[in-house]
Amino acid sequence: MELIPYNNIITNVDKKNKSNIIVNEIFLDGKIKKAEQIDEDEKSFGIFMHSLILSNYAEVMKVNNSEYNVIGNEFEKAIFKFTASKGFNKGLIETIAPKVNELTFEYDNNLKVSTHMINEKMRIVSKGTPDKLLKRCSHILHDSKFVKITSMIYKEVNSKLFEMIERCHSVYAIAIKDISKINKILSRDTYVRDMTLVALVGMVVT
């Protein structure tokens, strides 16, 4: 099961105006949809949106009573704008699922990992290049259920990834993993092993 090299996934967007980066399409629940079409009709919508927010590193700074400034690179800002357009409050979600700072780190330069407390358990949320993250996933989120990845599913995901590469400037993957607070894992490599693929996110520069 060979993945498409990530070198073929991202083009050089530095030549264009990064301020116009937007979320364009998403692979979720086995389908690719335009970003604006993703809504509550998708059974995995809630998990996806929460994972997207928790893996977003943009910071919101209050300027005055009515204005806010979003700080972060243009990709992070684009994700923030997308989640906000769907009615999600980043600050509220992060309050419900607070970050465990000592278990939040960058792994192997291609994966970012953040850990959050949810209902007395720890949820690991990872985002990164599809070639690095997909090979670490043993399950995929489908209709809000964790489904074991088979050879057929793997090929289908890779096929959808290729389609997204053809249309998008950048594609990255999001995956999650829940662990018990009591059985805290110490090895960083273990944190990004046997994860569940949530979605692929395609972004464009307009």
C-alpha atoms as a PDB file:
ATOM      1  CA  MET A   1       0.000   0.000   0.000  1.00  0.00           C
ATOM      2  CA  GLU A   2       2.069   2.886  -1.320  1.00  0.00           C
ATOM      3  CA  LEU A   3       1.266   6.478  -0.529  1.00  0.00           C
ATOM      4  CA  ILE A   4       1.636   9.342  -2.952  1.00  0.00           C
ATOM      5  CA  PRO A   5       4.837  11.239  -2.014  1.00  0.00           C
ATOM      6  CA  TYR A   6       4.034  14.425  -0.159  1.00  0.00           C
ATOM      7  CA  ASN A   7       6.363  16.338  -2.497  1.00  0.00           C
ATOM      8  CA  ASN A   8       3.534  16.084  -5.009  1.00  0.00           C
ATOM      9  CA  ILE A   9       0.978  17.460  -2.590  1.00  0.00           C
ATOM     10  CA  ILE A  10       2.104  20.981  -1.778  1.00  0.00           C
ATOM     11  CA  THR A  11       3.104  23.519  -4.390  1.00  0.00           C
ATOM     12  CA  ASN A  12       4.974  26.730  -3.699  1.00  0.00           C
ATOM     13  CA  VAL A  13       2.325  29.162  -2.485  1.00  0.00           C
ATOM     14  CA  ASP A  14       4.914  31.750  -1.462  1.00  0.00           C
ATOM     15  CA  LYS A  15       4.698  33.180  -4.971  1.00  0.00           C
ATOM     16  CA  LYS A  16       1.077  34.081  -4.388  1.00  0.00           C
ATOM     17  CA  ASN A  17      -0.805  36.181  -1.852  1.00  0.00           C
ATOM     18  CA  LYS A  18      -1.067  33.966   1.209  1.00  0.00           C
ATOM     19  CA  SER A  19      -3.799  36.145   2.677  1.00  0.00           C
ATOM     20  CA  ASN A  20      -6.198  34.539   0.198  1.00  0.00           C
ATOM     21  CA  ILE A  21      -5.705  30.965   1.380  1.00  0.00           C
ATOM     22  CA  ILE A  22      -9.043  29.257   2.006  1.00  0.00           C
ATOM     23  CA  VAL A  23     -10.301  25.796   2.924  1.00  0.00           C
ATOM     24  CA  ASN A  24     -11.587  24.457  -0.379  1.00  0.00           C
ATOM     25  CA  GLU A  25     -12.607  20.821   0.010  1.00  0.00           C
ATOM     26  CA  ILE A  26     -12.701  18.077   2.600  1.00  0.00           C
ATOM     27  CA  PHE A  27     -12.593  14.293   2.539  1.00  0.00           C
ATOM     28  CA  LEU A  28     -14.895  13.109   5.328  1.00  0.00           C
ATOM     29  CA  ASP A  29     -17.054   9.998   5.787  1.00  0.00           C
ATOM     30  CA  GLY A  30     -15.685   8.502   2.577  1.00  0.00           C
ATOM     31  CA  LYS A  31     -16.615  11.469   0.361  1.00  0.00           C
ATOM     32  CA  ILE A  32     -14.974  14.604  -0.950  1.00  0.00           C
ATOM     33  CA  LYS A  33     -17.129  17.696  -0.594  1.00  0.00           C
ATOM     34  CA  LYS A  34     -16.647  21.399  -1.098  1.00  0.00           C
ATOM     35  CA  ALA A  35     -15.941  23.017   2.253  1.00  0.00           C
ATOM     36  CA  GLU A  36     -19.115  25.093   2.207  1.00  0.00           C
ATOM     37  CA  GLN A  37     -21.196  21.911   1.822  1.00  0.00           C
ATOM     38  CA  ILE A  38     -19.853  20.290   4.992  1.00  0.00           C
ATOM     39  CA  ASP A  39     -22.544  20.535   7.683  1.00  0.00           C
ATOM     40  CA  GLU A  40     -24.520  18.596  10.280  1.00  0.00           C
ATOM     41  CA  ASP A  41     -25.701  16.142   7.634  1.00  0.00           C
ATOM     42  CA  GLU A  42     -22.284  14.500   7.863  1.00  0.00           C
ATOM     43  CA  LYS A  43     -22.441  11.999  10.712  1.00  0.00           C
ATOM     44  CA  SER A  44     -18.831  12.725  11.655  1.00  0.00           C
ATOM     45  CA  PHE A  45     -19.314  16.501  11.474  1.00  0.00           C
ATOM     46  CA  GLY A  46     -18.994  17.155  15.205  1.00  0.00           C
ATOM     47  CA  ILE A  47     -15.843  15.087  15.711  1.00  0.00           C
ATOM     48  CA  PHE A  48     -14.309  16.584  12.584  1.00  0.00           C
ATOM     49  CA  MET A  49     -14.981  20.186  13.555  1.00  0.00           C
ATOM     50  CA  HIS A  50     -13.726  19.688  17.095  1.00  0.00           C
ATOM     51  CA  SER A  51     -10.568  17.977  15.787  1.00  0.00           C
ATOM     52  CA  LEU A  52     -10.030  20.790  13.294  1.00  0.00           C
ATOM     53  CA  ILE A  53     -10.333  23.415  16.032  1.00  0.00           C
ATOM     54  CA  LEU A  54      -8.167  21.577  18.563  1.00  0.00           C
ATOM     55  CA  SER A  55      -5.427  21.115  15.958  1.00  0.00           C
ATOM     56  CA  ASN A  56      -5.550  24.797  14.985  1.00  0.00           C
ATOM     57  CA  TYR A  57      -2.719  26.922  16.365  1.00  0.00           C
ATOM     58  CA  ALA A  58      -4.127  30.353  15.531  1.00  0.00           C
ATOM     59  CA  GLU A  59      -4.507  32.622  18.561  1.00  0.00           C
ATOM     60  CA  VAL A  60      -7.312  35.126  19.033  1.00  0.00           C
ATOM     61  CA  MET A  61      -6.329  38.384  20.684  1.00  0.00           C
ATOM     62  CA  LYS A  62      -8.981  40.861  21.785  1.00  0.00           C
ATOM     63  CA  VAL A  63      -8.341  44.359  20.446  1.00  0.00           C
ATOM     64  CA  ASN A  64     -11.360  46.075  22.009  1.00  0.00           C
ATOM     65  CA  ASN A  65     -14.940  45.239  22.923  1.00  0.00           C
ATOM     66  CA  SER A  66     -15.949  44.499  19.343  1.00  0.00           C
ATOM     67  CA  GLU A  67     -12.716  43.677  17.461  1.00  0.00           C
ATOM     68  CA  TYR A  68     -10.409  40.667  17.543  1.00  0.00           C
ATOM     69  CA  ASN A  69      -7.080  39.956  15.916  1.00  0.00           C
ATOM     70  CA  VAL A  70      -6.263  36.427  14.737  1.00  0.00           C
ATOM     71  CA  ILE A  71      -2.565  35.610  15.044  1.00  0.00           C
ATOM     72  CA  GLY A  72      -0.919  32.750  13.169  1.00  0.00           C
ATOM     73  CA  ASN A  73       0.296  31.749   9.734  1.00  0.00           C
ATOM     74  CA  GLU A  74      -2.121  32.109   6.847  1.00  0.00           C
ATOM     75  CA  PHE A  75      -3.011  28.406   6.812  1.00  0.00           C
ATOM     76  CA  GLU A  76      -3.958  28.511  10.501  1.00  0.00           C
ATOM     77  CA  LYS A  77      -5.956  31.686   9.934  1.00  0.00           C
ATOM     78  CA  ALA A  78      -7.824  30.019   7.059  1.00  0.00           C
ATOM     79  CA  ILE A  79      -8.810  27.108   9.317  1.00  0.00           C
ATOM     80  CA  PHE A  80      -9.946  29.526  12.013  1.00  0.00           C
ATOM     81  CA  LYS A  81     -12.119  31.424   9.530  1.00  0.00           C
ATOM     82  CA  PHE A  82     -13.612  28.184   8.223  1.00  0.00           C
ATOM     83  CA  THR A  83     -14.571  26.861  11.670  1.00  0.00           C
ATOM     84  CA  ALA A  84     -15.960  30.263  12.656  1.00  0.00           C
ATOM     85  CA  SER A  85     -18.061  30.307   9.470  1.00  0.00           C
ATOM     86  CA  LYS A  86     -19.639  27.052  10.641  1.00  0.00           C
ATOM     87  CA  GLY A  87     -20.648  28.658  13.926  1.00  0.00           C
ATOM     88  CA  PHE A  88     -17.924  27.192  16.139  1.00  0.00           C
ATOM     89  CA  ASN A  89     -16.237  29.223  18.872  1.00  0.00           C
ATOM     90  CA  LYS A  90     -12.579  28.214  19.155  1.00  0.00           C
ATOM     91  CA  GLY A  91     -12.259  29.609  22.666  1.00  0.00           C
ATOM     92  CA  LEU A  92     -15.309  27.717  23.895  1.00  0.00           C
ATOM     93  CA  ILE A  93     -14.156  24.399  22.411  1.00  0.00           C
ATOM     94  CA  GLU A  94     -10.712  24.848  23.966  1.00  0.00           C
ATOM     95  CA  THR A  95     -12.368  25.534  27.323  1.00  0.00           C
ATOM     96  CA  ILE A  96     -14.395  22.325  27.065  1.00  0.00           C
ATOM     97  CA  ALA A  97     -11.335  20.358  25.975  1.00  0.00           C
ATOM     98  CA  PRO A  98      -8.343  22.101  27.606  1.00  0.00           C
ATOM     99  CA  LYS A  99      -4.883  21.493  26.180  1.00  0.00           C
ATOM    100  CA  VAL A 100      -2.337  19.429  28.095  1.00  0.00           C
ATOM    101  CA  ASN A 101       0.684  21.599  27.324  1.00  0.00           C
ATOM    102  CA  GLU A 102       3.341  19.114  28.404  1.00  0.00           C
ATOM    103  CA  LEU A 103       1.884  16.569  25.950  1.00  0.00           C
ATOM    104  CA  THR A 104       1.687  18.961  23.019  1.00  0.00           C
ATOM    105  CA  PHE A 105       4.654  18.814  20.662  1.00  0.00           C
ATOM    106  CA  GLU A 106       5.931  18.673  17.093  1.00  0.00           C
ATOM    107  CA  TYR A 107       6.938  15.213  15.921  1.00  0.00           C
ATOM    108  CA  ASP A 108       9.452  14.591  13.132  1.00  0.00           C
ATOM    109  CA  ASN A 109       8.953  18.078  11.605  1.00  0.00           C
ATOM    110  CA  ASN A 110       5.888  16.863   9.690  1.00  0.00           C
ATOM    111  CA  LEU A 111       3.369  16.172  12.446  1.00  0.00           C
ATOM    112  CA  LYS A 112       1.981  18.435  15.145  1.00  0.00           C
ATOM    113  CA  VAL A 113       0.455  16.767  18.162  1.00  0.00           C
ATOM    114  CA  SER A 114      -1.782  18.344  20.779  1.00  0.00           C
ATOM    115  CA  THR A 115      -3.396  16.551  23.701  1.00  0.00           C
ATOM    116  CA  HIS A 116      -6.666  17.600  25.332  1.00  0.00           C
ATOM    117  CA  MET A 117      -8.701  16.495  28.314  1.00  0.00           C
ATOM    118  CA  ILE A 118     -12.198  15.318  27.335  1.00  0.00           C
ATOM    119  CA  ASN A 119     -14.474  13.605  29.861  1.00  0.00           C
ATOM    120  CA  GLU A 120     -11.614  12.423  32.085  1.00  0.00           C
ATOM    121  CA  LYS A 121      -9.746  10.987  29.086  1.00  0.00           C
ATOM    122  CA  MET A 122      -6.989  12.390  26.934  1.00  0.00           C
ATOM    123  CA  ARG A 123      -7.616  12.944  23.240  1.00  0.00           C
ATOM    124  CA  ILE A 124      -4.539  13.165  21.057  1.00  0.00           C
ATOM    125  CA  VAL A 125      -5.123  15.248  17.936  1.00  0.00           C
ATOM    126  CA  SER A 126      -2.489  15.137  15.236  1.00  0.00           C
ATOM    127  CA  LYS A 127      -2.233  16.966  11.933  1.00  0.00           C
ATOM    128  CA  GLY A 128       0.417  16.728   9.264  1.00  0.00           C
ATOM    129  CA  THR A 129       1.424  15.575   5.838  1.00  0.00           C
ATOM    130  CA  PRO A 130      -0.733  12.702   4.584  1.00  0.00           C
ATOM    131  CA  ASP A 131       2.255  10.474   3.812  1.00  0.00           C
ATOM    132  CA  LYS A 132       3.488  10.743   7.399  1.00  0.00           C
ATOM    133  CA  LEU A 133       0.143  10.536   9.170  1.00  0.00           C
ATOM    134  CA  LEU A 134      -1.772   7.981   7.118  1.00  0.00           C
ATOM    135  CA  LYS A 135       0.829   5.278   7.683  1.00  0.00           C
ATOM    136  CA  ARG A 136       0.298   5.791  11.421  1.00  0.00           C
ATOM    137  CA  CYS A 137      -3.463   5.261  11.225  1.00  0.00           C
ATOM    138  CA  SER A 138      -4.995   1.844  11.876  1.00  0.00           C
ATOM    139  CA  HIS A 139      -8.598   3.132  11.742  1.00  0.00           C
ATOM    140  CA  ILE A 140     -10.654   5.704   9.878  1.00  0.00           C
ATOM    141  CA  LEU A 141     -13.612   7.751  11.084  1.00  0.00           C
ATOM    142  CA  HIS A 142     -16.710   6.837   9.085  1.00  0.00           C
ATOM    143  CA  ASP A 143     -20.239   7.843  10.046  1.00  0.00           C
ATOM    144  CA  SER A 144     -18.959   8.763  13.521  1.00  0.00           C
ATOM    145  CA  LYS A 145     -17.517   5.251  14.046  1.00  0.00           C
ATOM    146  CA  PHE A 146     -13.924   4.052  14.190  1.00  0.00           C
ATOM    147  CA  VAL A 147     -13.525   1.568  11.327  1.00  0.00           C
ATOM    148  CA  LYS A 148     -10.502  -0.680  10.838  1.00  0.00           C
ATOM    149  CA  ILE A 149      -8.542   0.293   7.745  1.00  0.00           C
ATOM    150  CA  THR A 150      -8.374  -2.506   5.185  1.00  0.00           C
ATOM    151  CA  SER A 151      -6.358  -2.637   1.971  1.00  0.00           C
ATOM    152  CA  MET A 152      -9.474  -1.603   0.054  1.00  0.00           C
ATOM    153  CA  ILE A 153     -10.138   1.378   2.325  1.00  0.00           C
ATOM    154  CA  TYR A 154      -6.481   2.390   2.163  1.00  0.00           C
ATOM    155  CA  LYS A 155      -6.517   2.402  -1.628  1.00  0.00           C
ATOM    156  CA  GLU A 156      -9.751   4.394  -1.671  1.00  0.00           C
ATOM    157  CA  VAL A 157      -8.321   7.026   0.674  1.00  0.00           C
ATOM    158  CA  ASN A 158      -5.175   7.258  -1.426  1.00  0.00           C
ATOM    159  CA  SER A 159      -7.307   7.650  -4.552  1.00  0.00           C
ATOM    160  CA  LYS A 160      -9.291  10.495  -2.969  1.00  0.00           C
ATOM    161  CA  LEU A 161      -6.052  12.078  -1.812  1.00  0.00           C
ATOM    162  CA  PHE A 162      -4.750  12.061  -5.382  1.00  0.00           C
ATOM    163  CA  GLU A 163      -7.945  13.764  -6.574  1.00  0.00           C
ATOM    164  CA  MET A 164      -7.524  16.486  -3.974  1.00  0.00           C
ATOM    165  CA  ILE A 165      -3.881  17.011  -4.898  1.00  0.00           C
ATOM    166  CA  GLU A 166      -4.953  17.743  -8.460  1.00  0.00           C
ATOM    167  CA  ARG A 167      -7.144  20.637  -7.340  1.00  0.00           C
ATOM    168  CA  CYS A 168      -5.557  21.976  -4.156  1.00  0.00           C
ATOM    169  CA  HIS A 169      -2.359  23.804  -3.323  1.00  0.00           C
ATOM    170  CA  SER A 170      -2.092  22.039   0.012  1.00  0.00           C
ATOM    171  CA  VAL A 171      -3.615  18.894   1.537  1.00  0.00           C
ATOM    172  CA  TYR A 172      -3.101  17.761   5.101  1.00  0.00           C
ATOM    173  CA  ALA A 173      -4.503  15.001   7.286  1.00  0.00           C
ATOM    174  CA  ILE A 174      -6.076  15.057  10.747  1.00  0.00           C
ATOM    175  CA  ALA A 175      -6.129  12.056  13.070  1.00  0.00           C
ATOM    176  CA  ILE A 176      -7.152  11.396  16.660  1.00  0.00           C
ATOM    177  CA  LYS A 177      -6.545   8.866  19.406  1.00  0.00           C
ATOM    178  CA  ASP A 178      -8.136   8.542  22.853  1.00  0.00           C
ATOM    179  CA  ILE A 179      -6.180   7.207  25.828  1.00  0.00           C
ATOM    180  CA  SER A 180      -6.913   6.790  29.503  1.00  0.00           C
ATOM    181  CA  LYS A 181      -5.593   9.460  31.847  1.00  0.00           C
ATOM    182  CA  ILE A 182      -4.420   6.692  34.153  1.00  0.00           C
ATOM    183  CA  ASN A 183      -2.457   4.908  31.437  1.00  0.00           C
ATOM    184  CA  LYS A 184      -0.454   7.954  30.441  1.00  0.00           C
ATOM    185  CA  ILE A 185       1.832   7.113  27.526  1.00  0.00           C
ATOM    186  CA  LEU A 186       5.407   8.333  27.808  1.00  0.00           C
ATOM    187  CA  SER A 187       6.811   7.489  24.373  1.00  0.00           C
ATOM    188  CA  ARG A 188       6.179  10.221  21.785  1.00  0.00           C
ATOM    189  CA  ASP A 189       6.249   7.648  19.013  1.00  0.00           C
ATOM    190  CA  THR A 190       3.418   5.768  20.723  1.00  0.00           C
ATOM    191  CA  TYR A 191       1.298   8.926  20.704  1.00  0.00           C
ATOM    192  CA  VAL A 192       1.260   8.966  16.914  1.00  0.00           C
ATOM    193  CA  ARG A 193       0.730   5.238  16.403  1.00  0.00           C
ATOM    194  CA  ASP A 194      -2.574   3.402  15.791  1.00  0.00           C
ATOM    195  CA  MET A 195      -4.479   6.623  15.268  1.00  0.00           C
ATOM    196  CA  THR A 196      -7.834   7.150  13.561  1.00  0.00           C
ATOM    197  CA  LEU A 197      -7.888   9.209  10.381  1.00  0.00           C
ATOM    198  CA  VAL A 198     -10.582  11.866  10.688  1.00  0.00           C
ATOM    199  CA  ALA A 199     -10.312  13.803   7.444  1.00  0.00           C
ATOM    200  CA  LEU A 200      -8.198  15.235   4.662  1.00  0.00           C
ATOM    201  CA  VAL A 201      -8.329  19.014   4.283  1.00  0.00           C
ATOM    202  CA  GLY A 202      -7.592  20.666   0.951  1.00  0.00           C
ATOM    203  CA  MET A 203      -6.679  24.347   0.760  1.00  0.00           C
ATOM    204  CA  VAL A 204      -6.269  26.689  -2.201  1.00  0.00           C
ATOM    205  CA  VAL A 205      -4.851  30.129  -2.868  1.00  0.00           C
ATOM    206  CA  THR A 206      -7.351  32.338  -4.647  1.00  0.00           C
END
